[in-house]
Amino acid sequence: MSIPLLAAQQIGRTIEGRWIWHRLDFELMAGDRLAVVGPSGVGKSLLLRSIAGLDPLQAGQIIFKGQPLSKLAMPQYRAQVIYLHQRPALMEGTVEFNLQQVYRLAIHQQKTYCQKDILQSLAPLKRDRHFLHRQVEDLSGGEAQIAALLRVLQLAPQVLLLDEPTASMDETSAQQVELLIHLWQQADPTRAYLWTSHNANQLQRVTDRQIALRRAGY
């Protein structure tokens, strides 16, 4: 039997002493395309952030490639399991400047920025090198999401945690991003992702199965 790429075992999260979700179990296998669904306020973003090690759990544990998260070095883990926020934080400067800055982090210093690879990623988005020269403050919300996605994909993560990654885009741009993520996964079939979206049609296109969250106690 294959070992799950990532697994949640009886995990739970509280806010102000109240369980948001509790005793949650799931497995993410290599190649999986997993939707996280549920009503607003049920903690979908919180789940992705907890998987990424950005928010604490009050119960249970996350397992990555057979190892508990508590035993893994967080920089190495976060280099492989990356959370993409729906409202990304970008630095002042150009898009390309933002893409380059990630390589200043110690965990990525053995990697090198490659403009050629970025231009290949821009092709499915119907954009060219001029996008790289755009100032961040001039980007629309959807363009900022694209810049943040490029910043993540260039690092070749194993797992993407996609939190409404096209929420600020029109339908055409959203489907272009869907294609780019599909190509990222095709490049290495062991890659997998979790995806949250309020767009049910999108989730039908981009995922094969789902985790349905509900409020603890219901």
C-alpha atoms as a PDB file:
ATOM      1  CA  MET A   1       0.000   0.000   0.000  1.00  0.00           C
ATOM      2  CA  SER A   2       1.291   3.459  -0.895  1.00  0.00           C
ATOM      3  CA  ILE A   3       2.195   5.831   1.905  1.00  0.00           C
ATOM      4  CA  PRO A   4       0.119   9.041   1.773  1.00  0.00           C
ATOM      5  CA  LEU A   5       2.021  12.107   0.683  1.00  0.00           C
ATOM      6  CA  LEU A   6       0.307  14.005   3.481  1.00  0.00           C
ATOM      7  CA  ALA A   7      -2.203  12.940   6.121  1.00  0.00           C
ATOM      8  CA  ALA A   8      -4.237  14.535   8.890  1.00  0.00           C
ATOM      9  CA  GLN A   9      -4.899  12.365  11.914  1.00  0.00           C
ATOM     10  CA  GLN A  10      -7.695  13.438  14.257  1.00  0.00           C
ATOM     11  CA  ILE A  11      -6.747  17.109  13.923  1.00  0.00           C
ATOM     12  CA  GLY A  12      -8.682  19.863  15.667  1.00  0.00           C
ATOM     13  CA  ARG A  13      -8.495  23.645  15.930  1.00  0.00           C
ATOM     14  CA  THR A  14     -10.055  25.963  18.502  1.00  0.00           C
ATOM     15  CA  ILE A  15     -10.636  29.702  18.563  1.00  0.00           C
ATOM     16  CA  GLU A  16     -11.432  31.288  21.925  1.00  0.00           C
ATOM     17  CA  GLY A  17     -12.024  27.879  23.420  1.00  0.00           C
ATOM     18  CA  ARG A  18     -14.481  26.736  20.730  1.00  0.00           C
ATOM     19  CA  TRP A  19     -13.749  23.909  18.308  1.00  0.00           C
ATOM     20  CA  ILE A  20     -13.810  25.075  14.695  1.00  0.00           C
ATOM     21  CA  TRP A  21     -13.334  21.514  13.451  1.00  0.00           C
ATOM     22  CA  HIS A  22     -12.422  18.450  15.461  1.00  0.00           C
ATOM     23  CA  ARG A  23     -11.309  14.845  14.869  1.00  0.00           C
ATOM     24  CA  LEU A  24     -10.662  15.520  11.194  1.00  0.00           C
ATOM     25  CA  ASP A  25      -8.964  12.765   9.191  1.00  0.00           C
ATOM     26  CA  PHE A  26      -7.921  12.727   5.543  1.00  0.00           C
ATOM     27  CA  GLU A  27      -5.130  11.556   3.265  1.00  0.00           C
ATOM     28  CA  LEU A  28      -3.536  13.273   0.289  1.00  0.00           C
ATOM     29  CA  MET A  29      -1.952  10.773  -2.062  1.00  0.00           C
ATOM     30  CA  ALA A  30       0.618  11.495  -4.769  1.00  0.00           C
ATOM     31  CA  GLY A  31      -1.188  13.018  -7.742  1.00  0.00           C
ATOM     32  CA  ASP A  32      -4.315  13.931  -5.773  1.00  0.00           C
ATOM     33  CA  ARG A  33      -6.485  16.941  -6.618  1.00  0.00           C
ATOM     34  CA  LEU A  34      -8.472  17.525  -3.452  1.00  0.00           C
ATOM     35  CA  ALA A  35     -11.181  20.145  -2.836  1.00  0.00           C
ATOM     36  CA  VAL A  36     -11.857  21.590   0.612  1.00  0.00           C
ATOM     37  CA  VAL A  37     -15.527  22.552   0.787  1.00  0.00           C
ATOM     38  CA  GLY A  38     -17.957  23.821   3.389  1.00  0.00           C
ATOM     39  CA  PRO A  39     -20.001  26.890   4.348  1.00  0.00           C
ATOM     40  CA  SER A  40     -18.382  30.262   5.034  1.00  0.00           C
ATOM     41  CA  GLY A  41     -16.796  30.465   8.454  1.00  0.00           C
ATOM     42  CA  VAL A  42     -16.204  26.736   8.794  1.00  0.00           C
ATOM     43  CA  GLY A  43     -12.427  27.172   8.724  1.00  0.00           C
ATOM     44  CA  LYS A  44     -11.294  26.182   5.235  1.00  0.00           C
ATOM     45  CA  SER A  45      -8.483  28.740   5.132  1.00  0.00           C
ATOM     46  CA  LEU A  46      -7.570  27.858   8.703  1.00  0.00           C
ATOM     47  CA  LEU A  47      -7.223  24.218   7.694  1.00  0.00           C
ATOM     48  CA  LEU A  48      -4.836  25.052   4.852  1.00  0.00           C
ATOM     49  CA  ARG A  49      -2.798  27.328   7.120  1.00  0.00           C
ATOM     50  CA  SER A  50      -2.630  24.601   9.777  1.00  0.00           C
ATOM     51  CA  ILE A  51      -1.444  22.051   7.211  1.00  0.00           C
ATOM     52  CA  ALA A  52       1.241  24.539   6.168  1.00  0.00           C
ATOM     53  CA  GLY A  53       2.395  24.852   9.770  1.00  0.00           C
ATOM     54  CA  LEU A  54       1.381  28.525   9.904  1.00  0.00           C
ATOM     55  CA  ASP A  55      -1.331  28.071  12.551  1.00  0.00           C
ATOM     56  CA  PRO A  56      -1.237  25.702  15.544  1.00  0.00           C
ATOM     57  CA  LEU A  57      -3.415  22.661  16.039  1.00  0.00           C
ATOM     58  CA  GLN A  58      -4.999  21.900  19.383  1.00  0.00           C
ATOM     59  CA  ALA A  59      -5.487  18.199  18.617  1.00  0.00           C
ATOM     60  CA  GLY A  60      -4.088  15.526  16.334  1.00  0.00           C
ATOM     61  CA  GLN A  61      -1.144  15.707  13.988  1.00  0.00           C
ATOM     62  CA  ILE A  62      -0.096  16.236  10.368  1.00  0.00           C
ATOM     63  CA  ILE A  63       2.029  13.524   8.745  1.00  0.00           C
ATOM     64  CA  PHE A  64       4.209  14.289   5.698  1.00  0.00           C
ATOM     65  CA  LYS A  65       5.766  11.377   3.812  1.00  0.00           C
ATOM     66  CA  GLY A  66       5.370   9.182   6.868  1.00  0.00           C
ATOM     67  CA  GLN A  67       6.896  11.648   9.345  1.00  0.00           C
ATOM     68  CA  PRO A  68       4.979  13.714  11.927  1.00  0.00           C
ATOM     69  CA  LEU A  69       5.213  17.418  11.293  1.00  0.00           C
ATOM     70  CA  SER A  70       6.529  17.873  14.836  1.00  0.00           C
ATOM     71  CA  LYS A  71       9.691  15.954  13.848  1.00  0.00           C
ATOM     72  CA  LEU A  72      10.383  17.819  10.617  1.00  0.00           C
ATOM     73  CA  ALA A  73      12.441  20.981  10.132  1.00  0.00           C
ATOM     74  CA  MET A  74       9.846  23.614   9.276  1.00  0.00           C
ATOM     75  CA  PRO A  75      11.883  25.477   6.610  1.00  0.00           C
ATOM     76  CA  GLN A  76      12.349  22.259   4.636  1.00  0.00           C
ATOM     77  CA  TYR A  77       8.696  21.309   5.077  1.00  0.00           C
ATOM     78  CA  ARG A  78       7.416  24.729   4.010  1.00  0.00           C
ATOM     79  CA  ALA A  79       9.641  24.593   0.940  1.00  0.00           C
ATOM     80  CA  GLN A  80       7.747  21.483  -0.145  1.00  0.00           C
ATOM     81  CA  VAL A  81       4.243  22.250   1.144  1.00  0.00           C
ATOM     82  CA  ILE A  82       3.382  25.842   0.226  1.00  0.00           C
ATOM     83  CA  TYR A  83       0.288  27.826   1.166  1.00  0.00           C
ATOM     84  CA  LEU A  84      -0.937  30.353  -1.400  1.00  0.00           C
ATOM     85  CA  HIS A  85      -2.990  33.095   0.247  1.00  0.00           C
ATOM     86  CA  GLN A  86      -5.911  34.565  -1.692  1.00  0.00           C
ATOM     87  CA  ARG A  87      -4.640  38.069  -0.814  1.00  0.00           C
ATOM     88  CA  PRO A  88      -0.896  37.729  -1.391  1.00  0.00           C
ATOM     89  CA  ALA A  89       1.699  39.960   0.212  1.00  0.00           C
ATOM     90  CA  LEU A  90       4.129  41.412  -2.312  1.00  0.00           C
ATOM     91  CA  MET A  91       7.112  43.691  -1.801  1.00  0.00           C
ATOM     92  CA  GLU A  92       7.512  47.098  -3.420  1.00  0.00           C
ATOM     93  CA  GLY A  93       9.159  46.890  -6.820  1.00  0.00           C
ATOM     94  CA  THR A  94       8.559  44.942 -10.002  1.00  0.00           C
ATOM     95  CA  VAL A  95       7.011  41.517 -10.379  1.00  0.00           C
ATOM     96  CA  GLU A  96      10.406  40.104 -11.326  1.00  0.00           C
ATOM     97  CA  PHE A  97      12.017  41.661  -8.248  1.00  0.00           C
ATOM     98  CA  ASN A  98       9.456  39.817  -6.121  1.00  0.00           C
ATOM     99  CA  LEU A  99      10.163  36.546  -7.900  1.00  0.00           C
ATOM    100  CA  GLN A 100      13.901  36.939  -7.319  1.00  0.00           C
ATOM    101  CA  GLN A 101      13.717  37.831  -3.619  1.00  0.00           C
ATOM    102  CA  VAL A 102      12.572  34.373  -2.543  1.00  0.00           C
ATOM    103  CA  TYR A 103      16.011  33.027  -3.449  1.00  0.00           C
ATOM    104  CA  ARG A 104      17.532  35.132  -0.700  1.00  0.00           C
ATOM    105  CA  LEU A 105      15.937  32.817   1.873  1.00  0.00           C
ATOM    106  CA  ALA A 106      18.441  30.311   3.253  1.00  0.00           C
ATOM    107  CA  ILE A 107      16.312  27.304   2.292  1.00  0.00           C
ATOM    108  CA  HIS A 108      16.312  28.369  -1.390  1.00  0.00           C
ATOM    109  CA  GLN A 109      19.878  29.651  -1.739  1.00  0.00           C
ATOM    110  CA  GLN A 110      20.937  26.523  -3.633  1.00  0.00           C
ATOM    111  CA  LYS A 111      18.379  27.353  -6.330  1.00  0.00           C
ATOM    112  CA  THR A 112      18.678  30.042  -8.979  1.00  0.00           C
ATOM    113  CA  TYR A 113      16.102  32.357 -10.495  1.00  0.00           C
ATOM    114  CA  CYS A 114      15.436  31.419 -14.124  1.00  0.00           C
ATOM    115  CA  GLN A 115      13.634  33.971 -16.256  1.00  0.00           C
ATOM    116  CA  LYS A 116      13.269  31.433 -19.081  1.00  0.00           C
ATOM    117  CA  ASP A 117      11.201  29.154 -16.830  1.00  0.00           C
ATOM    118  CA  ILE A 118       9.042  32.085 -15.729  1.00  0.00           C
ATOM    119  CA  LEU A 119       8.383  33.079 -19.337  1.00  0.00           C
ATOM    120  CA  GLN A 120       7.288  29.511 -20.038  1.00  0.00           C
ATOM    121  CA  SER A 121       4.875  29.764 -17.119  1.00  0.00           C
ATOM    122  CA  LEU A 122       3.540  33.075 -18.429  1.00  0.00           C
ATOM    123  CA  ALA A 123       2.657  31.573 -21.820  1.00  0.00           C
ATOM    124  CA  PRO A 124      -0.512  29.737 -20.633  1.00  0.00           C
ATOM    125  CA  LEU A 125      -1.534  33.001 -18.956  1.00  0.00           C
ATOM    126  CA  LYS A 126      -1.282  34.864 -22.284  1.00  0.00           C
ATOM    127  CA  ARG A 127       1.337  37.193 -20.826  1.00  0.00           C
ATOM    128  CA  ASP A 128       4.930  37.972 -21.773  1.00  0.00           C
ATOM    129  CA  ARG A 129       8.084  39.477 -20.262  1.00  0.00           C
ATOM    130  CA  HIS A 130       6.411  42.876 -19.969  1.00  0.00           C
ATOM    131  CA  PHE A 131       4.425  41.492 -17.032  1.00  0.00           C
ATOM    132  CA  LEU A 132       7.695  40.975 -15.165  1.00  0.00           C
ATOM    133  CA  HIS A 133       8.486  44.680 -15.450  1.00  0.00           C
ATOM    134  CA  ARG A 134       5.162  45.795 -13.957  1.00  0.00           C
ATOM    135  CA  GLN A 135       5.291  47.603 -10.630  1.00  0.00           C
ATOM    136  CA  VAL A 136       3.469  45.707  -7.898  1.00  0.00           C
ATOM    137  CA  GLU A 137       1.452  48.760  -6.866  1.00  0.00           C
ATOM    138  CA  ASP A 138       0.007  48.933 -10.392  1.00  0.00           C
ATOM    139  CA  LEU A 139      -1.261  45.350 -10.406  1.00  0.00           C
ATOM    140  CA  SER A 140      -4.921  44.464 -10.102  1.00  0.00           C
ATOM    141  CA  GLY A 141      -5.968  41.965  -7.448  1.00  0.00           C
ATOM    142  CA  GLY A 142      -5.989  39.158 -10.005  1.00  0.00           C
ATOM    143  CA  GLU A 143      -2.569  40.133 -11.351  1.00  0.00           C
ATOM    144  CA  ALA A 144      -1.169  40.107  -7.816  1.00  0.00           C
ATOM    145  CA  GLN A 145      -2.515  36.575  -7.409  1.00  0.00           C
ATOM    146  CA  ILE A 146      -0.743  35.586 -10.625  1.00  0.00           C
ATOM    147  CA  ALA A 147       2.540  37.077  -9.412  1.00  0.00           C
ATOM    148  CA  ALA A 148       2.225  35.183  -6.130  1.00  0.00           C
ATOM    149  CA  LEU A 149       1.478  31.936  -7.956  1.00  0.00           C
ATOM    150  CA  LEU A 150       4.538  32.357 -10.173  1.00  0.00           C
ATOM    151  CA  ARG A 151       6.647  33.011  -7.082  1.00  0.00           C
ATOM    152  CA  VAL A 152       5.499  29.680  -5.630  1.00  0.00           C
ATOM    153  CA  LEU A 153       5.579  27.502  -8.757  1.00  0.00           C
ATOM    154  CA  GLN A 154       9.180  28.430  -9.594  1.00  0.00           C
ATOM    155  CA  LEU A 155      10.208  26.660  -6.379  1.00  0.00           C
ATOM    156  CA  ALA A 156       8.735  23.340  -7.596  1.00  0.00           C
ATOM    157  CA  PRO A 157       6.865  22.425  -4.393  1.00  0.00           C
ATOM    158  CA  GLN A 158       5.489  18.941  -3.763  1.00  0.00           C
ATOM    159  CA  VAL A 159       2.124  20.132  -2.417  1.00  0.00           C
ATOM    160  CA  LEU A 160       0.157  23.309  -3.083  1.00  0.00           C
ATOM    161  CA  LEU A 161      -2.414  24.616  -0.617  1.00  0.00           C
ATOM    162  CA  LEU A 162      -4.544  26.861  -2.823  1.00  0.00           C
ATOM    163  CA  ASP A 163      -6.803  29.265  -0.933  1.00  0.00           C
ATOM    164  CA  GLU A 164      -9.187  30.841  -3.471  1.00  0.00           C
ATOM    165  CA  PRO A 165      -6.248  31.347  -5.879  1.00  0.00           C
ATOM    166  CA  THR A 166      -8.413  32.937  -8.608  1.00  0.00           C
ATOM    167  CA  ALA A 167     -10.897  34.830  -6.426  1.00  0.00           C
ATOM    168  CA  SER A 168      -9.936  38.234  -7.906  1.00  0.00           C
ATOM    169  CA  MET A 169      -9.833  37.093 -11.545  1.00  0.00           C
ATOM    170  CA  ASP A 170     -12.312  37.042 -14.397  1.00  0.00           C
ATOM    171  CA  GLU A 171     -13.349  33.651 -15.779  1.00  0.00           C
ATOM    172  CA  THR A 172     -10.816  33.699 -18.610  1.00  0.00           C
ATOM    173  CA  SER A 173      -7.877  34.466 -16.331  1.00  0.00           C
ATOM    174  CA  ALA A 174      -9.094  31.905 -13.803  1.00  0.00           C
ATOM    175  CA  GLN A 175      -9.124  29.149 -16.409  1.00  0.00           C
ATOM    176  CA  GLN A 176      -5.653  30.159 -17.590  1.00  0.00           C
ATOM    177  CA  VAL A 177      -4.412  29.759 -14.012  1.00  0.00           C
ATOM    178  CA  GLU A 178      -6.136  26.393 -13.800  1.00  0.00           C
ATOM    179  CA  LEU A 179      -4.192  25.327 -16.888  1.00  0.00           C
ATOM    180  CA  LEU A 180      -0.895  26.535 -15.410  1.00  0.00           C
ATOM    181  CA  ILE A 181      -1.479  24.543 -12.217  1.00  0.00           C
ATOM    182  CA  HIS A 182      -2.426  21.514 -14.308  1.00  0.00           C
ATOM    183  CA  LEU A 183       0.868  21.824 -16.206  1.00  0.00           C
ATOM    184  CA  TRP A 184       2.772  22.138 -12.915  1.00  0.00           C
ATOM    185  CA  GLN A 185       1.234  18.871 -11.740  1.00  0.00           C
ATOM    186  CA  GLN A 186       1.757  17.139 -15.077  1.00  0.00           C
ATOM    187  CA  ALA A 187       5.480  17.926 -14.879  1.00  0.00           C
ATOM    188  CA  ASP A 188       5.684  15.647 -11.821  1.00  0.00           C
ATOM    189  CA  PRO A 189       2.683  13.317 -11.355  1.00  0.00           C
ATOM    190  CA  THR A 190       3.553  12.830  -7.665  1.00  0.00           C
ATOM    191  CA  ARG A 191       2.635  16.455  -6.970  1.00  0.00           C
ATOM    192  CA  ALA A 192      -0.711  17.112  -5.315  1.00  0.00           C
ATOM    193  CA  TYR A 193      -2.876  19.968  -4.130  1.00  0.00           C
ATOM    194  CA  LEU A 194      -5.749  21.042  -1.934  1.00  0.00           C
ATOM    195  CA  TRP A 195      -7.955  23.769  -3.415  1.00  0.00           C
ATOM    196  CA  THR A 196     -10.654  25.936  -1.845  1.00  0.00           C
ATOM    197  CA  SER A 197     -13.039  27.972  -3.977  1.00  0.00           C
ATOM    198  CA  HIS A 198     -16.523  29.446  -3.775  1.00  0.00           C
ATOM    199  CA  ASN A 199     -16.844  28.590  -7.479  1.00  0.00           C
ATOM    200  CA  ALA A 200     -18.424  25.128  -7.590  1.00  0.00           C
ATOM    201  CA  ASN A 201     -17.899  24.886 -11.361  1.00  0.00           C
ATOM    202  CA  GLN A 202     -14.210  25.509 -10.890  1.00  0.00           C
ATOM    203  CA  LEU A 203     -13.904  22.789  -8.271  1.00  0.00           C
ATOM    204  CA  GLN A 204     -15.600  20.352 -10.643  1.00  0.00           C
ATOM    205  CA  ARG A 205     -12.941  21.157 -13.245  1.00  0.00           C
ATOM    206  CA  VAL A 206      -9.861  21.053 -11.063  1.00  0.00           C
ATOM    207  CA  THR A 207     -10.517  18.447  -8.342  1.00  0.00           C
ATOM    208  CA  ASP A 208     -11.399  14.754  -8.187  1.00  0.00           C
ATOM    209  CA  ARG A 209     -12.618  14.384  -4.596  1.00  0.00           C
ATOM    210  CA  GLN A 210     -13.292  16.549  -1.572  1.00  0.00           C
ATOM    211  CA  ILE A 211     -13.034  17.110   2.151  1.00  0.00           C
ATOM    212  CA  ALA A 212     -16.338  18.481   3.428  1.00  0.00           C
ATOM    213  CA  LEU A 213     -15.845  20.584   6.564  1.00  0.00           C
ATOM    214  CA  ARG A 214     -18.633  21.243   8.998  1.00  0.00           C
ATOM    215  CA  ARG A 215     -18.719  23.092  12.265  1.00  0.00           C
ATOM    216  CA  ALA A 216     -17.749  21.001  15.270  1.00  0.00           C
ATOM    217  CA  GLY A 217     -20.818  19.716  17.046  1.00  0.00           C
ATOM    218  CA  TYR A 218     -22.960  19.540  13.901  1.00  0.00           C
END
